[in-house]
Structures are given as C-alpha cells and as structure tokens.
Amino acid sequence: MQPAFQRKVLVPPPIFPYNAVQGKTAQKGDDRVRQRKRAVTPLVLFLVLAAAFCLWFDFNAYESRSRTISCEDDGIIFSITTFNGDNESTPFVKCLGHTWLSIDNRSGHAVYLKDHEIGPDEMVTFSVWAVSDLPGLLFNLEADYISTYGRYSGRKSLSVNIGEPQLRKIEAYIHRSDGWTPGRNCSYWSIQLWNEVVDEAYRVKTQTLFYTPKRLERSLCEFDRVEVDKDFSRAGRIFCYRGGVRTELELCS
C-alpha cells in the first residue's frame, strides 16, 4: 500500500487587492503633490508680482530743479553719473543702463585713492559690474566704453566739490564693499557711497527694493545743475580691485 501523502500547493497572495492598495496610496501621494503645487503657485505668482511692482514703481515724489547744488571747477570734483539705457534698447533686448562715480582732480597736485595716483587734471571713474569672470570694482571702464564704442549717450551727472578727507571715506567704503550682487547693483552701490560722502543737502533719494539707473535719473533731475554727457576722456587705464588686490585690464580689440 502506498503511503498516504498530501500535496500542499502554495497559493501566491492575491495580486489585485495589493495593487489596488498600492494604487490608492500612489493616488493619495499624487493628490498631495497637486495640492502643494496649487498652494505654492499663488505664492510664487505673488512674489513675482511684488518684485515687478517694486522694480517699476517708485514711492518717491520728484520735483524738477527744486534743489540747488554748487560745484566749482577747481579742487577735487566728485560726480555720480547715470544712464537709463533707453537709447541702447531694442524691441527684443532691454538695456537697463548703468550708474557710476568719478573723481576729477583739479587741485593742482596729485591725490590718491587707495594706491592709485590721480595726477593734476586727471580723473578716474569707478563702479561695480556684473562681469562673470571678474565680479569686482572696476575703474575707468566707463570712460573706455564711451571713447571706444560711443556708449552711454544722454548720460546725466551731478557733481560736488570734496576734500581729501572725503577720499578716505571713499576708500573705507570700497574696502567694505567691492563687488556686485543682484540686490546691490551698480545703482545701489553708487547711491550709497555718494550719500555717505556728500553733505546732507546733496544726497539723492534712496529707493525701494530695487535700485535702477532710471530712478536715479529722476532723482538727479531734482537738482539745478545736472550735466548731460559729461566728458570722461581724461581717465586713465582700466584696472580693478577685488578683495583688496589690484589687477590691470584692457578692452579686447
């Protein structure tokens, strides 16, 4: 007689109930992701609109030629210059302009800004630039752009006389801040330094979240002595400071 035995068949667990649960779990996860996206989208849209509002709307009120400024044609002349970019814009490319500062030495003797000698009847321009390979403080680049490429036509400048102690203030500011950032662009950098150096009566109005050359132009036009297309041809060679280190530069031909 053959021994009795029992065949045991292993039945795999049911597939459909497992997949159904997994599908429900995945669907719940997708629903949560969609809910988060729906919650985040209005916030992102609000931030974009708020940034655009702050960029294009200026809360200051400006009165043309309502403020008096005096500047003699001798001594040390400190200037702030802004170009709004309109005449260099195209239908497809918007030029946002540029802002910079300059020192014109008409004192009859040499003066120094850091280790740079500004001789009699010489000048220097300077500002921060968003240059990827050299994101620092550049000197005399504006003057070369004007003389070589005819750039910044229609630029507007405001000038005051300063003494050599004010040059030390400029040096201290440069030591603290010698680079460009999106929040501290050329307009922000120049306005803050200008307002730190000049008398209170000659300070320009600070702006909202974003500083732009066009807003600064409106602020300059409050003064009664605004120079159009100021001459910078007496500026010297291009150089830069980054981290206190000076580097000589030149434009590509």
C-alpha atoms as a PDB file:
ATOM      1  CA  MET A   1       0.000   0.000   0.000  1.00  0.00           C
ATOM      2  CA  GLN A   2       1.358   3.329  -0.986  1.00  0.00           C
ATOM      3  CA  PRO A   3       1.826   5.719   1.925  1.00  0.00           C
ATOM      4  CA  ALA A   4      -0.721   8.450   2.005  1.00  0.00           C
ATOM      5  CA  PHE A   5       0.574  11.909   1.453  1.00  0.00           C
ATOM      6  CA  GLN A   6      -0.967  15.264   0.990  1.00  0.00           C
ATOM      7  CA  ARG A   7       0.112  17.632  -1.742  1.00  0.00           C
ATOM      8  CA  LYS A   8       0.358  21.182  -0.483  1.00  0.00           C
ATOM      9  CA  VAL A   9       0.008  23.798  -3.126  1.00  0.00           C
ATOM     10  CA  LEU A  10       1.378  27.247  -2.298  1.00  0.00           C
ATOM     11  CA  VAL A  11      -1.034  29.808  -3.495  1.00  0.00           C
ATOM     12  CA  PRO A  12       0.560  33.193  -4.186  1.00  0.00           C
ATOM     13  CA  PRO A  13      -1.040  36.111  -2.441  1.00  0.00           C
ATOM     14  CA  PRO A  14      -3.742  37.815  -4.433  1.00  0.00           C
ATOM     15  CA  ILE A  15      -2.381  40.406  -6.785  1.00  0.00           C
ATOM     16  CA  PHE A  16      -5.320  42.673  -7.310  1.00  0.00           C
ATOM     17  CA  PRO A  17      -6.009  43.656  -3.706  1.00  0.00           C
ATOM     18  CA  TYR A  18      -2.304  44.574  -3.246  1.00  0.00           C
ATOM     19  CA  ASN A  19      -2.172  46.635  -6.416  1.00  0.00           C
ATOM     20  CA  ALA A  20      -5.406  48.318  -5.519  1.00  0.00           C
ATOM     21  CA  VAL A  21      -3.983  49.402  -2.180  1.00  0.00           C
ATOM     22  CA  GLN A  22      -0.737  50.486  -3.814  1.00  0.00           C
ATOM     23  CA  GLY A  23      -2.655  52.386  -6.446  1.00  0.00           C
ATOM     24  CA  LYS A  24      -4.730  54.144  -3.815  1.00  0.00           C
ATOM     25  CA  THR A  25      -1.555  55.060  -1.900  1.00  0.00           C
ATOM     26  CA  ALA A  26       0.120  56.400  -5.056  1.00  0.00           C
ATOM     27  CA  GLN A  27      -3.013  58.315  -5.947  1.00  0.00           C
ATOM     28  CA  LYS A  28      -3.110  59.884  -2.484  1.00  0.00           C
ATOM     29  CA  GLY A  29       0.558  60.857  -2.904  1.00  0.00           C
ATOM     30  CA  ASP A  30      -0.153  62.441  -6.284  1.00  0.00           C
ATOM     31  CA  ASP A  31      -3.116  64.304  -4.809  1.00  0.00           C
ATOM     32  CA  ARG A  32      -0.910  65.701  -2.033  1.00  0.00           C
ATOM     33  CA  VAL A  33       1.690  66.836  -4.590  1.00  0.00           C
ATOM     34  CA  ARG A  34      -1.024  68.535  -6.657  1.00  0.00           C
ATOM     35  CA  GLN A  35      -2.403  70.227  -3.542  1.00  0.00           C
ATOM     36  CA  ARG A  36       1.059  71.511  -2.645  1.00  0.00           C
ATOM     37  CA  LYS A  37       1.569  72.821  -6.173  1.00  0.00           C
ATOM     38  CA  ARG A  38      -1.803  74.571  -6.037  1.00  0.00           C
ATOM     39  CA  ALA A  39      -0.819  76.131  -2.699  1.00  0.00           C
ATOM     40  CA  VAL A  40       2.656  77.200  -3.874  1.00  0.00           C
ATOM     41  CA  THR A  41       1.628  78.629  -7.262  1.00  0.00           C
ATOM     42  CA  PRO A  42      -0.257  81.664  -5.857  1.00  0.00           C
ATOM     43  CA  LEU A  43       2.661  82.405  -3.522  1.00  0.00           C
ATOM     44  CA  VAL A  44       5.172  82.319  -6.387  1.00  0.00           C
ATOM     45  CA  LEU A  45       2.880  84.487  -8.515  1.00  0.00           C
ATOM     46  CA  PHE A  46       2.511  86.971  -5.648  1.00  0.00           C
ATOM     47  CA  LEU A  47       6.299  87.171  -5.158  1.00  0.00           C
ATOM     48  CA  VAL A  48       6.858  87.732  -8.888  1.00  0.00           C
ATOM     49  CA  LEU A  49       4.229  90.478  -8.999  1.00  0.00           C
ATOM     50  CA  ALA A  50       5.631  92.068  -5.823  1.00  0.00           C
ATOM     51  CA  ALA A  51       9.137  92.075  -7.300  1.00  0.00           C
ATOM     52  CA  ALA A  52       7.844  93.604 -10.538  1.00  0.00           C
ATOM     53  CA  PHE A  53       5.903  96.198  -8.550  1.00  0.00           C
ATOM     54  CA  CYS A  54       8.970  97.175  -6.517  1.00  0.00           C
ATOM     55  CA  LEU A  55      11.116  97.213  -9.651  1.00  0.00           C
ATOM     56  CA  TRP A  56       8.925  99.518 -11.713  1.00  0.00           C
ATOM     57  CA  PHE A  57       7.056 101.576  -9.121  1.00  0.00           C
ATOM     58  CA  ASP A  58       8.874 104.282  -7.191  1.00  0.00           C
ATOM     59  CA  PHE A  59       7.314 105.585  -3.986  1.00  0.00           C
ATOM     60  CA  ASN A  60       9.326 108.834  -4.092  1.00  0.00           C
ATOM     61  CA  ALA A  61       7.952 112.113  -5.415  1.00  0.00           C
ATOM     62  CA  TYR A  62      10.336 114.194  -7.527  1.00  0.00           C
ATOM     63  CA  GLU A  63      10.189 117.930  -8.264  1.00  0.00           C
ATOM     64  CA  SER A  64      12.299 119.030 -11.201  1.00  0.00           C
ATOM     65  CA  ARG A  65      15.053 121.567 -10.401  1.00  0.00           C
ATOM     66  CA  SER A  66      13.733 122.058  -6.866  1.00  0.00           C
ATOM     67  CA  ARG A  67      17.132 121.630  -5.165  1.00  0.00           C
ATOM     68  CA  THR A  68      20.286 123.741  -5.501  1.00  0.00           C
ATOM     69  CA  ILE A  69      23.781 122.292  -5.708  1.00  0.00           C
ATOM     70  CA  SER A  70      27.062 124.188  -6.062  1.00  0.00           C
ATOM     71  CA  CYS A  71      30.267 122.936  -7.649  1.00  0.00           C
ATOM     72  CA  GLU A  72      33.362 124.946  -8.522  1.00  0.00           C
ATOM     73  CA  ASP A  73      35.552 123.990 -11.482  1.00  0.00           C
ATOM     74  CA  ASP A  74      38.620 123.504  -9.303  1.00  0.00           C
ATOM     75  CA  GLY A  75      39.699 121.339  -6.371  1.00  0.00           C
ATOM     76  CA  ILE A  76      38.529 117.721  -6.236  1.00  0.00           C
ATOM     77  CA  ILE A  77      35.249 117.129  -8.060  1.00  0.00           C
ATOM     78  CA  PHE A  78      33.169 114.093  -7.094  1.00  0.00           C
ATOM     79  CA  SER A  79      30.408 113.066  -9.534  1.00  0.00           C
ATOM     80  CA  ILE A  80      27.643 110.491  -9.816  1.00  0.00           C
ATOM     81  CA  THR A  81      26.527 109.606 -13.344  1.00  0.00           C
ATOM     82  CA  THR A  82      23.593 107.538 -14.527  1.00  0.00           C
ATOM     83  CA  PHE A  83      22.482 106.263 -17.934  1.00  0.00           C
ATOM     84  CA  ASN A  84      18.919 104.990 -18.233  1.00  0.00           C
ATOM     85  CA  GLY A  85      19.581 102.630 -21.161  1.00  0.00           C
ATOM     86  CA  ASP A  86      16.640 103.723 -23.322  1.00  0.00           C
ATOM     87  CA  ASN A  87      18.591 104.629 -26.462  1.00  0.00           C
ATOM     88  CA  GLU A  88      20.573 101.347 -26.341  1.00  0.00           C
ATOM     89  CA  SER A  89      17.475  99.142 -26.009  1.00  0.00           C
ATOM     90  CA  THR A  90      15.951  97.218 -28.900  1.00  0.00           C
ATOM     91  CA  PRO A  91      12.435  95.776 -29.326  1.00  0.00           C
ATOM     92  CA  PHE A  92      13.743  92.418 -28.104  1.00  0.00           C
ATOM     93  CA  VAL A  93      16.548  93.388 -25.707  1.00  0.00           C
ATOM     94  CA  LYS A  94      16.043  95.832 -22.834  1.00  0.00           C
ATOM     95  CA  CYS A  95      19.119  97.765 -21.695  1.00  0.00           C
ATOM     96  CA  LEU A  96      18.719  98.589 -18.004  1.00  0.00           C
ATOM     97  CA  GLY A  97      21.510 101.191 -18.032  1.00  0.00           C
ATOM     98  CA  HIS A  98      24.428 101.800 -15.718  1.00  0.00           C
ATOM     99  CA  THR A  99      25.474 104.049 -12.814  1.00  0.00           C
ATOM    100  CA  TRP A 100      28.990 105.035 -11.788  1.00  0.00           C
ATOM    101  CA  LEU A 101      31.055 107.534  -9.805  1.00  0.00           C
ATOM    102  CA  SER A 102      34.077 109.619 -10.763  1.00  0.00           C
ATOM    103  CA  ILE A 103      36.774 111.800  -9.232  1.00  0.00           C
ATOM    104  CA  ASP A 104      38.205 114.707 -11.241  1.00  0.00           C
ATOM    105  CA  ASN A 105      41.404 116.141  -9.757  1.00  0.00           C
ATOM    106  CA  ARG A 106      41.720 119.844 -10.500  1.00  0.00           C
ATOM    107  CA  SER A 107      43.515 120.666  -7.260  1.00  0.00           C
ATOM    108  CA  GLY A 108      46.906 121.315  -8.884  1.00  0.00           C
ATOM    109  CA  HIS A 109      48.593 118.425  -7.050  1.00  0.00           C
ATOM    110  CA  ALA A 110      48.355 114.648  -7.034  1.00  0.00           C
ATOM    111  CA  VAL A 111      45.811 112.907  -4.800  1.00  0.00           C
ATOM    112  CA  TYR A 112      45.448 109.221  -4.023  1.00  0.00           C
ATOM    113  CA  LEU A 113      42.597 106.747  -3.978  1.00  0.00           C
ATOM    114  CA  LYS A 114      43.994 103.624  -2.321  1.00  0.00           C
ATOM    115  CA  ASP A 115      47.262 103.003  -4.190  1.00  0.00           C
ATOM    116  CA  HIS A 116      46.155 104.803  -7.358  1.00  0.00           C
ATOM    117  CA  GLU A 117      47.617 108.234  -8.003  1.00  0.00           C
ATOM    118  CA  ILE A 118      45.265 110.737  -9.635  1.00  0.00           C
ATOM    119  CA  GLY A 119      47.537 113.388 -11.060  1.00  0.00           C
ATOM    120  CA  PRO A 120      46.643 117.057 -11.644  1.00  0.00           C
ATOM    121  CA  ASP A 121      43.937 117.382 -14.333  1.00  0.00           C
ATOM    122  CA  GLU A 122      43.385 113.607 -14.333  1.00  0.00           C
ATOM    123  CA  MET A 123      40.225 111.739 -13.427  1.00  0.00           C
ATOM    124  CA  VAL A 124      39.052 108.248 -12.575  1.00  0.00           C
ATOM    125  CA  THR A 125      35.664 106.541 -12.976  1.00  0.00           C
ATOM    126  CA  PHE A 126      34.576 103.538 -10.904  1.00  0.00           C
ATOM    127  CA  SER A 127      31.630 101.253 -10.223  1.00  0.00           C
ATOM    128  CA  VAL A 128      30.746  97.614  -9.602  1.00  0.00           C
ATOM    129  CA  TRP A 129      29.990  95.400 -12.586  1.00  0.00           C
ATOM    130  CA  ALA A 130      28.208  92.086 -13.135  1.00  0.00           C
ATOM    131  CA  VAL A 131      31.132  90.560 -15.024  1.00  0.00           C
ATOM    132  CA  SER A 132      31.141  86.776 -14.549  1.00  0.00           C
ATOM    133  CA  ASP A 133      34.916  86.316 -14.667  1.00  0.00           C
ATOM    134  CA  LEU A 134      35.670  89.498 -12.750  1.00  0.00           C
ATOM    135  CA  PRO A 135      32.796  90.409 -10.382  1.00  0.00           C
ATOM    136  CA  GLY A 136      34.526  93.290  -8.668  1.00  0.00           C
ATOM    137  CA  LEU A 137      35.072  97.035  -8.611  1.00  0.00           C
ATOM    138  CA  LEU A 138      36.275  98.303 -11.996  1.00  0.00           C
ATOM    139  CA  PHE A 139      37.979 101.634 -12.701  1.00  0.00           C
ATOM    140  CA  ASN A 140      37.872 103.648 -15.942  1.00  0.00           C
ATOM    141  CA  LEU A 141      35.847 101.050 -17.863  1.00  0.00           C
ATOM    142  CA  GLU A 142      33.034 103.548 -18.473  1.00  0.00           C
ATOM    143  CA  ALA A 143      35.459 106.078 -19.976  1.00  0.00           C
ATOM    144  CA  ASP A 144      36.800 103.457 -22.418  1.00  0.00           C
ATOM    145  CA  TYR A 145      33.291 102.337 -23.379  1.00  0.00           C
ATOM    146  CA  ILE A 146      32.403 105.951 -24.177  1.00  0.00           C
ATOM    147  CA  SER A 147      35.546 106.753 -26.167  1.00  0.00           C
ATOM    148  CA  THR A 148      35.840 103.401 -27.983  1.00  0.00           C
ATOM    149  CA  TYR A 149      32.220 102.423 -28.599  1.00  0.00           C
ATOM    150  CA  GLY A 150      30.262 105.665 -28.179  1.00  0.00           C
ATOM    151  CA  ARG A 151      28.230 104.212 -25.319  1.00  0.00           C
ATOM    152  CA  TYR A 152      26.061 105.943 -22.670  1.00  0.00           C
ATOM    153  CA  SER A 153      24.904 108.844 -24.838  1.00  0.00           C
ATOM    154  CA  GLY A 154      22.490 111.054 -22.884  1.00  0.00           C
ATOM    155  CA  ARG A 155      24.031 110.194 -19.506  1.00  0.00           C
ATOM    156  CA  LYS A 156      23.336 112.633 -16.676  1.00  0.00           C
ATOM    157  CA  SER A 157      25.787 113.664 -13.936  1.00  0.00           C
ATOM    158  CA  LEU A 158      25.665 115.508 -10.634  1.00  0.00           C
ATOM    159  CA  SER A 159      28.888 116.945  -9.175  1.00  0.00           C
ATOM    160  CA  VAL A 160      30.128 118.439  -5.898  1.00  0.00           C
ATOM    161  CA  ASN A 161      33.472 119.569  -4.508  1.00  0.00           C
ATOM    162  CA  ILE A 162      35.047 117.371  -1.844  1.00  0.00           C
ATOM    163  CA  GLY A 163      38.272 117.443   0.172  1.00  0.00           C
ATOM    164  CA  GLU A 164      40.928 114.811   0.687  1.00  0.00           C
ATOM    165  CA  PRO A 165      39.292 113.580   3.942  1.00  0.00           C
ATOM    166  CA  GLN A 166      36.308 112.528   1.794  1.00  0.00           C
ATOM    167  CA  LEU A 167      38.682 110.429  -0.324  1.00  0.00           C
ATOM    168  CA  ARG A 168      39.413 108.399   2.802  1.00  0.00           C
ATOM    169  CA  LYS A 169      35.657 107.825   3.224  1.00  0.00           C
ATOM    170  CA  ILE A 170      35.520 106.527  -0.339  1.00  0.00           C
ATOM    171  CA  GLU A 171      38.441 104.194   0.392  1.00  0.00           C
ATOM    172  CA  ALA A 172      36.724 102.866   3.513  1.00  0.00           C
ATOM    173  CA  TYR A 173      33.520 102.176   1.566  1.00  0.00           C
ATOM    174  CA  ILE A 174      35.481 100.407  -1.183  1.00  0.00           C
ATOM    175  CA  HIS A 175      37.194  98.288   1.475  1.00  0.00           C
ATOM    176  CA  ARG A 176      33.786  97.217   2.854  1.00  0.00           C
ATOM    177  CA  SER A 177      32.106  96.643  -0.494  1.00  0.00           C
ATOM    178  CA  ASP A 178      33.950  95.972  -3.729  1.00  0.00           C
ATOM    179  CA  GLY A 179      31.604  93.615  -5.575  1.00  0.00           C
ATOM    180  CA  TRP A 180      28.313  93.422  -7.466  1.00  0.00           C
ATOM    181  CA  THR A 181      25.285  91.405  -6.325  1.00  0.00           C
ATOM    182  CA  PRO A 182      21.710  91.371  -7.707  1.00  0.00           C
ATOM    183  CA  GLY A 183      20.491  93.226  -4.617  1.00  0.00           C
ATOM    184  CA  ARG A 184      23.447  95.615  -4.560  1.00  0.00           C
ATOM    185  CA  ASN A 185      23.878  96.531  -8.178  1.00  0.00           C
ATOM    186  CA  CYS A 186      25.756  99.483  -9.665  1.00  0.00           C
ATOM    187  CA  SER A 187      22.968 101.975  -8.822  1.00  0.00           C
ATOM    188  CA  TYR A 188      22.658 100.815  -5.219  1.00  0.00           C
ATOM    189  CA  TRP A 189      26.437 100.798  -4.746  1.00  0.00           C
ATOM    190  CA  SER A 190      26.921 104.276  -6.242  1.00  0.00           C
ATOM    191  CA  ILE A 191      23.992 105.906  -4.426  1.00  0.00           C
ATOM    192  CA  GLN A 192      25.046 104.549  -1.038  1.00  0.00           C
ATOM    193  CA  LEU A 193      28.617 105.771  -1.494  1.00  0.00           C
ATOM    194  CA  TRP A 194      27.521 109.174  -2.820  1.00  0.00           C
ATOM    195  CA  ASN A 195      25.171 109.718   0.126  1.00  0.00           C
ATOM    196  CA  GLU A 196      27.881 108.678   2.578  1.00  0.00           C
ATOM    197  CA  VAL A 197      30.395 111.206   1.210  1.00  0.00           C
ATOM    198  CA  VAL A 198      28.416 114.356   0.342  1.00  0.00           C
ATOM    199  CA  ASP A 199      26.637 116.830   2.616  1.00  0.00           C
ATOM    200  CA  GLU A 200      23.057 116.010   3.551  1.00  0.00           C
ATOM    201  CA  ALA A 201      21.717 118.753   1.259  1.00  0.00           C
ATOM    202  CA  TYR A 202      23.200 116.986  -1.761  1.00  0.00           C
ATOM    203  CA  ARG A 203      22.108 113.436  -1.017  1.00  0.00           C
ATOM    204  CA  VAL A 204      19.901 111.761  -3.597  1.00  0.00           C
ATOM    205  CA  LYS A 205      16.719 109.966  -2.600  1.00  0.00           C
ATOM    206  CA  THR A 206      17.148 106.313  -1.755  1.00  0.00           C
ATOM    207  CA  GLN A 207      14.819 103.929  -3.498  1.00  0.00           C
ATOM    208  CA  THR A 208      12.695 100.855  -2.887  1.00  0.00           C
ATOM    209  CA  LEU A 209      13.712  97.204  -3.044  1.00  0.00           C
ATOM    210  CA  PHE A 210      15.371  97.586  -6.460  1.00  0.00           C
ATOM    211  CA  TYR A 211      17.697 100.430  -7.396  1.00  0.00           C
ATOM    212  CA  THR A 212      17.783 101.352 -11.089  1.00  0.00           C
ATOM    213  CA  PRO A 213      19.612 103.954 -13.221  1.00  0.00           C
ATOM    214  CA  LYS A 214      16.282 105.325 -14.467  1.00  0.00           C
ATOM    215  CA  ARG A 215      15.046 106.041 -10.933  1.00  0.00           C
ATOM    216  CA  LEU A 216      18.338 107.691 -10.089  1.00  0.00           C
ATOM    217  CA  GLU A 217      17.990 109.882 -13.180  1.00  0.00           C
ATOM    218  CA  ARG A 218      14.667 111.184 -11.840  1.00  0.00           C
ATOM    219  CA  SER A 219      16.325 111.910  -8.506  1.00  0.00           C
ATOM    220  CA  LEU A 220      19.228 113.788 -10.137  1.00  0.00           C
ATOM    221  CA  CYS A 221      16.823 115.973 -12.104  1.00  0.00           C
ATOM    222  CA  GLU A 222      15.645 117.489  -8.813  1.00  0.00           C
ATOM    223  CA  PHE A 223      18.901 119.472  -8.773  1.00  0.00           C
ATOM    224  CA  ASP A 224      19.502 122.654 -10.752  1.00  0.00           C
ATOM    225  CA  ARG A 225      22.939 121.700 -12.095  1.00  0.00           C
ATOM    226  CA  VAL A 226      22.752 118.405 -13.967  1.00  0.00           C
ATOM    227  CA  GLU A 227      25.353 117.890 -16.670  1.00  0.00           C
ATOM    228  CA  VAL A 228      24.442 115.914 -19.791  1.00  0.00           C
ATOM    229  CA  ASP A 229      27.129 113.761 -21.467  1.00  0.00           C
ATOM    230  CA  LYS A 230      29.885 114.659 -19.029  1.00  0.00           C
ATOM    231  CA  ASP A 231      33.383 114.271 -20.501  1.00  0.00           C
ATOM    232  CA  PHE A 232      35.471 111.402 -19.068  1.00  0.00           C
ATOM    233  CA  SER A 233      38.281 111.456 -21.643  1.00  0.00           C
ATOM    234  CA  ARG A 234      40.942 112.310 -19.028  1.00  0.00           C
ATOM    235  CA  ALA A 235      40.503 108.975 -17.248  1.00  0.00           C
ATOM    236  CA  GLY A 236      43.443 106.571 -17.398  1.00  0.00           C
ATOM    237  CA  ARG A 237      43.932 102.845 -17.849  1.00  0.00           C
ATOM    238  CA  ILE A 238      41.419 100.219 -16.773  1.00  0.00           C
ATOM    239  CA  PHE A 239      42.050  98.294 -13.562  1.00  0.00           C
ATOM    240  CA  CYS A 240      40.033  96.561 -10.878  1.00  0.00           C
ATOM    241  CA  TYR A 241      40.036  95.820  -7.168  1.00  0.00           C
ATOM    242  CA  ARG A 242      38.798  92.528  -5.789  1.00  0.00           C
ATOM    243  CA  GLY A 243      39.484  91.533  -2.216  1.00  0.00           C
ATOM    244  CA  GLY A 244      41.964  94.383  -1.926  1.00  0.00           C
ATOM    245  CA  VAL A 245      44.028  93.105  -4.872  1.00  0.00           C
ATOM    246  CA  ARG A 246      44.563  95.402  -7.863  1.00  0.00           C
ATOM    247  CA  THR A 247      44.665  93.989 -11.415  1.00  0.00           C
ATOM    248  CA  GLU A 248      45.443  95.920 -14.624  1.00  0.00           C
ATOM    249  CA  LEU A 249      42.991  95.288 -17.503  1.00  0.00           C
ATOM    250  CA  GLU A 250      42.385  96.315 -21.083  1.00  0.00           C
ATOM    251  CA  LEU A 251      39.471  96.073 -23.515  1.00  0.00           C
ATOM    252  CA  CYS A 252      39.601  93.393 -26.173  1.00  0.00           C
ATOM    253  CA  SER A 253      40.262  94.809 -29.639  1.00  0.00           C
END
